[in-house]
Amino acid sequence: MAGLEVVGEYYDAAVSGADYVELRPGFAEMLAHIDGNGVRLVVVEDISRFGRTVAVQELGLTLMARRGVQVVAANGDELTDTDDEAGVMIRHVLGAFAQMEKTRLVKKLRVARERMRDETGRCESRNWCCWAMP
């Protein structure tokens, strides 16, 4: 992407990819930067890092498109192009896979926490602690 200048990097640490984008502090900061300086291109790692559900992805892309901002994945996929029906369909399918993977991972972690709690009487995770009650 020759001739482009990076004017900001934004990341939402410890925020679920299923949370609506406008509620994420880093995303809100990026939107404020976009509104204030005329940025017209945003590069994301990939669609699954932009949002982990189809609804979140589409809302985020709509917020960007309404501002006239093009969103491109690091692999070159243009995510805000709505004129390419096949591209939109592929984006939705990839979003559905990201959503399924997130759901699968949450379930896997929940089962592991429950197993640990059953085996040791306690289990700690990032957001909460739980102990088996006598």
Protein backbone atom coordinates (compact mmCIF):
# COMPACT_ATOMS: atom_id res chain seq x y z
CA MET A 1 0.00 0.00 0.00
CA ALA A 2 2.51 2.51 -1.20
CA GLY A 3 1.87 6.17 -0.56
CA LEU A 4 -0.20 5.59 2.57
CA GLU A 5 0.62 6.91 6.00
CA VAL A 6 -0.33 5.11 9.22
CA VAL A 7 -2.02 7.72 11.40
CA GLY A 8 -3.22 5.48 14.21
CA GLU A 9 -3.37 1.95 15.57
CA TYR A 10 -6.31 0.78 17.65
CA TYR A 11 -6.83 -2.36 19.69
CA ASP A 12 -9.43 -3.42 22.22
CA ALA A 13 -7.64 -5.56 24.80
CA ALA A 14 -9.83 -7.84 26.91
CA VAL A 15 -12.95 -6.98 24.91
CA SER A 16 -15.07 -9.69 23.37
CA GLY A 17 -15.19 -9.78 19.60
CA ALA A 18 -18.93 -10.33 19.98
CA ASP A 19 -19.39 -6.93 21.68
CA TYR A 20 -20.89 -4.30 19.43
CA VAL A 21 -18.13 -2.28 17.84
CA GLU A 22 -19.47 1.11 18.88
CA LEU A 23 -19.19 0.02 22.55
CA ARG A 24 -15.50 -0.87 22.26
CA PRO A 25 -13.19 1.88 23.57
CA GLY A 26 -10.55 1.39 20.86
CA PHE A 27 -13.12 1.34 18.08
CA ALA A 28 -14.81 4.48 19.46
CA GLU A 29 -11.40 6.19 19.61
CA MET A 30 -10.74 5.19 15.99
CA LEU A 31 -14.13 6.56 14.88
CA ALA A 32 -13.39 9.86 16.63
CA HIS A 33 -10.01 10.00 14.88
CA ILE A 34 -11.65 9.23 11.53
CA ASP A 35 -14.29 11.91 12.06
CA GLY A 36 -11.61 14.42 13.02
CA ASN A 37 -9.01 13.95 10.29
CA GLY A 38 -10.58 12.57 7.14
CA VAL A 39 -9.12 9.05 7.20
CA ARG A 40 -10.65 7.05 4.33
CA LEU A 41 -8.94 3.65 4.69
CA VAL A 42 -8.76 1.26 7.63
CA VAL A 43 -6.74 -1.97 7.50
CA VAL A 44 -7.74 -4.82 9.82
CA GLU A 45 -5.94 -8.10 10.47
CA ASP A 46 -8.90 -10.07 9.14
CA ILE A 47 -12.70 -10.05 9.33
CA SER A 48 -12.75 -12.32 12.39
CA ARG A 49 -10.62 -9.81 14.33
CA PHE A 50 -13.00 -7.02 13.32
CA GLY A 51 -15.96 -8.85 14.83
CA ARG A 52 -16.74 -12.38 15.91
CA THR A 53 -20.38 -12.43 14.82
CA VAL A 54 -21.91 -11.59 11.46
CA ALA A 55 -24.15 -8.94 13.07
CA VAL A 56 -21.19 -7.19 14.72
CA GLN A 57 -19.14 -7.31 11.52
CA GLU A 58 -21.93 -5.90 9.39
CA LEU A 59 -22.75 -3.13 11.88
CA GLY A 60 -19.08 -2.13 12.05
CA LEU A 61 -18.71 -2.15 8.28
CA THR A 62 -21.89 -0.10 7.92
CA LEU A 63 -20.58 2.48 10.41
CA MET A 64 -17.40 2.76 8.34
CA ALA A 65 -19.15 2.85 4.95
CA ARG A 66 -21.47 5.65 6.13
CA ARG A 67 -18.36 7.69 6.88
CA GLY A 68 -16.97 6.94 3.44
CA VAL A 69 -14.24 4.74 4.91
CA GLN A 70 -12.98 1.69 3.04
CA VAL A 71 -12.11 -1.31 5.25
CA VAL A 72 -9.51 -3.72 3.89
CA ALA A 73 -8.19 -6.93 5.46
CA ALA A 74 -4.42 -7.36 5.65
CA ASN A 75 -4.67 -10.02 2.91
CA GLY A 76 -6.15 -7.39 0.56
CA ASP A 77 -9.84 -8.37 0.80
CA GLU A 78 -12.00 -5.26 0.43
CA LEU A 79 -14.62 -5.65 3.16
CA THR A 80 -16.84 -2.63 2.46
CA ASP A 81 -17.51 -3.32 -1.23
CA THR A 82 -21.25 -4.04 -1.45
CA ASP A 83 -21.30 -4.08 -5.27
CA ASP A 84 -19.61 -7.49 -5.38
CA GLU A 85 -22.39 -9.94 -4.45
CA ALA A 86 -20.01 -12.90 -4.30
CA GLY A 87 -17.63 -10.96 -2.06
CA VAL A 88 -20.45 -10.04 0.32
CA MET A 89 -21.57 -13.67 0.44
CA ILE A 90 -18.02 -14.85 1.16
CA ARG A 91 -17.69 -12.22 3.89
CA HIS A 92 -20.92 -13.49 5.48
CA VAL A 93 -19.75 -17.11 5.29
CA LEU A 94 -16.39 -16.22 6.84
CA GLY A 95 -18.26 -14.27 9.51
CA ALA A 96 -20.46 -17.28 10.22
CA PHE A 97 -17.36 -19.45 10.63
CA ALA A 98 -15.82 -16.88 13.00
CA GLN A 99 -19.04 -16.85 15.00
CA MET A 100 -19.11 -20.65 15.15
CA GLU A 101 -15.46 -20.77 16.23
CA LYS A 102 -16.09 -18.23 18.99
CA THR A 103 -19.09 -20.22 20.25
CA ARG A 104 -17.08 -23.45 20.12
CA LEU A 105 -14.20 -21.88 22.04
CA VAL A 106 -16.48 -20.42 24.73
CA LYS A 107 -18.11 -23.83 25.19
CA LYS A 108 -14.74 -25.59 25.35
CA LEU A 109 -13.46 -23.15 27.99
CA ARG A 110 -16.67 -23.46 30.03
CA VAL A 111 -16.38 -27.26 30.06
CA ALA A 112 -12.71 -27.00 31.12
CA ARG A 113 -13.60 -24.60 33.98
CA GLU A 114 -16.40 -26.89 35.14
CA ARG A 115 -14.07 -29.90 35.05
CA MET A 116 -11.41 -28.02 37.03
CA ARG A 117 -14.00 -26.88 39.57
CA ASP A 118 -15.22 -30.49 39.96
CA GLU A 119 -11.66 -31.80 40.36
CA THR A 120 -10.16 -29.09 42.59
CA GLY A 121 -13.12 -27.31 44.16
CA ARG A 122 -12.23 -24.02 42.53
CA CYS A 123 -11.62 -22.43 39.19
CA GLU A 124 -10.41 -18.96 38.33
CA SER A 125 -10.77 -17.20 35.02
CA ARG A 126 -10.00 -13.75 33.69
CA ASN A 127 -13.31 -12.19 34.76
CA TRP A 128 -14.56 -14.20 37.71
CA CYS A 129 -13.75 -16.77 40.33
CA CYS A 130 -15.86 -19.65 41.45
CA TRP A 131 -15.62 -22.12 44.28
CA ALA A 132 -17.57 -25.30 44.87
CA MET A 133 -20.01 -24.77 47.71
CA PRO A 134 -20.00 -27.46 50.45
